């Protein structure tokens, strides 16, 4: 199996959604006027396409796509 270190970027959404969820499960502080948990999930959702793009770009640079 070939090493593909750029695919490690795809672990970031997993970590943002699941691994840190117990740490972010609180109401205060309220950034942008919304509960912290909703803000955290919104941030994770917006960062997911960026991580997919970074993984794709890394594979493309190595000629795998």
N, C-alpha and C. Protein backbone atom coordinates (compact mmCIF):
# COMPACT_ATOMS: atom_id res chain seq x y z
N UNK A 1 0.84 -1.18 0.00
CA UNK A 1 0.00 0.00 0.00
C UNK A 1 0.88 1.24 0.00
N UNK A 2 0.55 2.20 -0.85
CA UNK A 2 1.34 3.42 -0.96
C UNK A 2 1.01 4.37 0.18
N UNK A 3 2.04 5.08 0.60
CA UNK A 3 1.83 6.08 1.65
C UNK A 3 1.19 7.31 1.04
N UNK A 4 0.20 7.83 1.70
CA UNK A 4 -0.50 9.02 1.25
C UNK A 4 -0.71 9.94 2.44
N UNK A 5 0.34 10.63 2.87
CA UNK A 5 0.24 11.46 4.07
C UNK A 5 -0.75 12.62 3.93
N UNK A 6 -1.04 13.04 2.71
CA UNK A 6 -1.98 14.15 2.56
C UNK A 6 -3.39 13.75 2.95
N UNK A 7 -3.66 12.46 2.97
CA UNK A 7 -5.00 12.01 3.37
C UNK A 7 -5.24 12.20 4.86
N UNK A 8 -4.20 12.50 5.61
CA UNK A 8 -4.37 12.79 7.03
C UNK A 8 -5.22 14.04 7.24
N UNK A 9 -5.28 14.91 6.21
CA UNK A 9 -6.15 16.07 6.31
C UNK A 9 -7.60 15.65 6.51
N UNK A 10 -7.97 14.47 6.04
CA UNK A 10 -9.35 14.01 6.15
C UNK A 10 -9.71 13.59 7.57
N UNK A 11 -8.73 13.49 8.44
CA UNK A 11 -9.00 13.20 9.85
C UNK A 11 -9.46 14.44 10.60
N UNK A 12 -9.16 15.62 10.09
CA UNK A 12 -9.52 16.86 10.77
C UNK A 12 -11.03 16.99 11.01
N UNK A 13 -11.89 16.75 10.00
CA UNK A 13 -13.33 16.84 10.29
C UNK A 13 -13.78 15.84 11.36
N UNK A 14 -13.21 14.65 11.33
CA UNK A 14 -13.55 13.64 12.35
C UNK A 14 -13.21 14.17 13.74
N UNK A 15 -12.02 14.73 13.87
CA UNK A 15 -11.60 15.26 15.16
C UNK A 15 -12.48 16.44 15.58
N UNK A 16 -12.78 17.32 14.63
CA UNK A 16 -13.61 18.48 14.96
C UNK A 16 -15.02 18.08 15.38
N UNK A 17 -15.59 17.07 14.72
CA UNK A 17 -16.97 16.69 15.02
C UNK A 17 -17.09 15.79 16.25
N UNK A 18 -16.27 14.76 16.33
CA UNK A 18 -16.49 13.74 17.35
C UNK A 18 -15.54 13.81 18.55
N UNK A 19 -14.28 13.90 18.28
CA UNK A 19 -13.31 13.80 19.37
C UNK A 19 -13.39 14.99 20.33
N UNK A 20 -13.69 16.17 19.81
CA UNK A 20 -13.74 17.34 20.67
C UNK A 20 -15.14 17.72 21.10
N UNK A 21 -16.12 16.96 20.68
CA UNK A 21 -17.50 17.28 21.03
C UNK A 21 -17.75 17.34 22.54
N UNK A 22 -17.23 16.43 23.34
CA UNK A 22 -17.45 16.56 24.79
C UNK A 22 -16.82 17.83 25.37
N UNK A 23 -15.76 18.31 24.77
CA UNK A 23 -15.12 19.53 25.26
C UNK A 23 -15.90 20.78 24.86
N UNK A 24 -16.61 20.72 23.75
CA UNK A 24 -17.33 21.89 23.24
C UNK A 24 -18.79 21.89 23.64
N UNK A 25 -19.23 20.92 24.40
CA UNK A 25 -20.64 20.80 24.76
C UNK A 25 -20.96 21.73 25.93
N UNK A 26 -21.12 23.01 25.60
CA UNK A 26 -21.48 24.01 26.61
C UNK A 26 -22.23 25.14 25.92
N UNK A 27 -22.91 25.92 26.69
CA UNK A 27 -23.70 27.01 26.13
C UNK A 27 -22.89 28.31 26.08
N UNK A 28 -22.13 28.58 27.14
CA UNK A 28 -21.36 29.81 27.20
C UNK A 28 -19.91 29.52 26.90
N UNK A 29 -19.20 30.32 26.21
CA UNK A 29 -19.52 31.64 25.68
C UNK A 29 -20.44 31.54 24.45
N UNK A 30 -20.96 32.67 24.06
CA UNK A 30 -21.87 32.71 22.92
C UNK A 30 -21.27 33.56 21.80
N UNK A 31 -20.39 32.96 20.99
CA UNK A 31 -19.82 33.72 19.87
C UNK A 31 -20.89 33.96 18.80
N UNK A 32 -20.90 35.14 18.24
CA UNK A 32 -21.87 35.54 17.21
C UNK A 32 -23.32 35.43 17.69
N UNK A 33 -23.52 35.40 19.00
CA UNK A 33 -24.86 35.35 19.56
C UNK A 33 -25.51 33.97 19.53
N UNK A 34 -24.74 32.93 19.24
CA UNK A 34 -25.29 31.57 19.23
C UNK A 34 -24.55 30.73 20.26
N UNK A 35 -25.19 29.68 20.76
CA UNK A 35 -24.51 28.82 21.74
C UNK A 35 -23.19 28.26 21.18
N UNK A 36 -22.25 28.03 22.06
CA UNK A 36 -20.92 27.61 21.65
C UNK A 36 -20.94 26.32 20.85
N UNK A 37 -21.78 25.35 21.23
CA UNK A 37 -21.81 24.08 20.50
C UNK A 37 -22.25 24.29 19.06
N UNK A 38 -23.25 25.13 18.83
CA UNK A 38 -23.69 25.40 17.46
C UNK A 38 -22.60 26.11 16.67
N UNK A 39 -21.89 27.03 17.32
CA UNK A 39 -20.79 27.71 16.67
C UNK A 39 -19.69 26.72 16.29
N UNK A 40 -19.38 25.80 17.19
CA UNK A 40 -18.35 24.79 16.93
C UNK A 40 -18.74 23.91 15.75
N UNK A 41 -19.99 23.46 15.70
CA UNK A 41 -20.43 22.62 14.59
C UNK A 41 -20.44 23.39 13.27
N UNK A 42 -20.81 24.66 13.32
CA UNK A 42 -20.78 25.49 12.12
C UNK A 42 -19.35 25.65 11.63
N UNK A 43 -18.43 25.90 12.53
CA UNK A 43 -17.02 26.03 12.18
C UNK A 43 -16.49 24.73 11.56
N UNK A 44 -16.82 23.59 12.15
CA UNK A 44 -16.38 22.30 11.62
C UNK A 44 -16.96 22.06 10.22
N UNK A 45 -18.21 22.44 10.02
CA UNK A 45 -18.85 22.26 8.72
C UNK A 45 -18.18 23.13 7.66
N UNK A 46 -17.81 24.33 8.03
CA UNK A 46 -17.16 25.22 7.06
C UNK A 46 -15.72 24.81 6.78
N UNK A 47 -15.06 24.16 7.72
CA UNK A 47 -13.68 23.74 7.51
C UNK A 47 -13.55 22.41 6.77
N UNK A 48 -14.61 21.62 6.73
CA UNK A 48 -14.55 20.32 6.07
C UNK A 48 -14.20 20.41 4.59
N UNK A 49 -14.84 21.28 3.80
CA UNK A 49 -14.43 21.38 2.38
C UNK A 49 -12.97 21.80 2.21
N UNK A 50 -12.46 22.63 3.11
CA UNK A 50 -11.07 23.04 3.04
C UNK A 50 -10.13 21.84 3.23
N UNK A 51 -10.44 20.98 4.17
CA UNK A 51 -9.59 19.81 4.40
C UNK A 51 -9.66 18.83 3.23
N UNK A 52 -10.83 18.68 2.63
CA UNK A 52 -10.96 17.80 1.45
C UNK A 52 -10.15 18.38 0.30
N UNK A 53 -10.20 19.69 0.12
CA UNK A 53 -9.43 20.34 -0.94
C UNK A 53 -7.93 20.16 -0.71
N UNK A 54 -7.48 20.31 0.54
CA UNK A 54 -6.06 20.13 0.84
C UNK A 54 -5.60 18.71 0.55
N UNK A 55 -6.42 17.72 0.87
CA UNK A 55 -6.07 16.33 0.57
C UNK A 55 -6.02 16.10 -0.93
N UNK A 56 -6.99 16.65 -1.65
CA UNK A 56 -7.02 16.50 -3.11
C UNK A 56 -5.80 17.17 -3.75
N UNK A 57 -5.47 18.37 -3.27
CA UNK A 57 -4.33 19.11 -3.81
C UNK A 57 -3.03 18.35 -3.58
N UNK A 58 -2.89 17.76 -2.41
CA UNK A 58 -1.68 16.99 -2.12
C UNK A 58 -1.56 15.76 -3.01
N UNK A 59 -2.65 15.07 -3.26
CA UNK A 59 -2.62 13.92 -4.16
C UNK A 59 -2.34 14.36 -5.59
N UNK A 60 -2.88 15.49 -5.98
CA UNK A 60 -2.70 16.00 -7.33
C UNK A 60 -1.24 16.38 -7.57
N UNK A 61 -0.60 16.97 -6.56
CA UNK A 61 0.80 17.34 -6.69
C UNK A 61 1.69 16.11 -6.86
N UNK A 62 1.30 15.02 -6.28
CA UNK A 62 2.08 13.78 -6.39
C UNK A 62 1.68 12.96 -7.62
N UNK A 63 0.76 13.47 -8.41
CA UNK A 63 0.36 12.79 -9.65
C UNK A 63 -0.56 11.62 -9.44
N UNK A 64 -1.33 11.61 -8.37
CA UNK A 64 -2.21 10.48 -8.10
C UNK A 64 -3.64 10.73 -8.55
N UNK A 65 -3.93 11.95 -8.96
CA UNK A 65 -5.29 12.26 -9.39
C UNK A 65 -5.25 12.73 -10.81
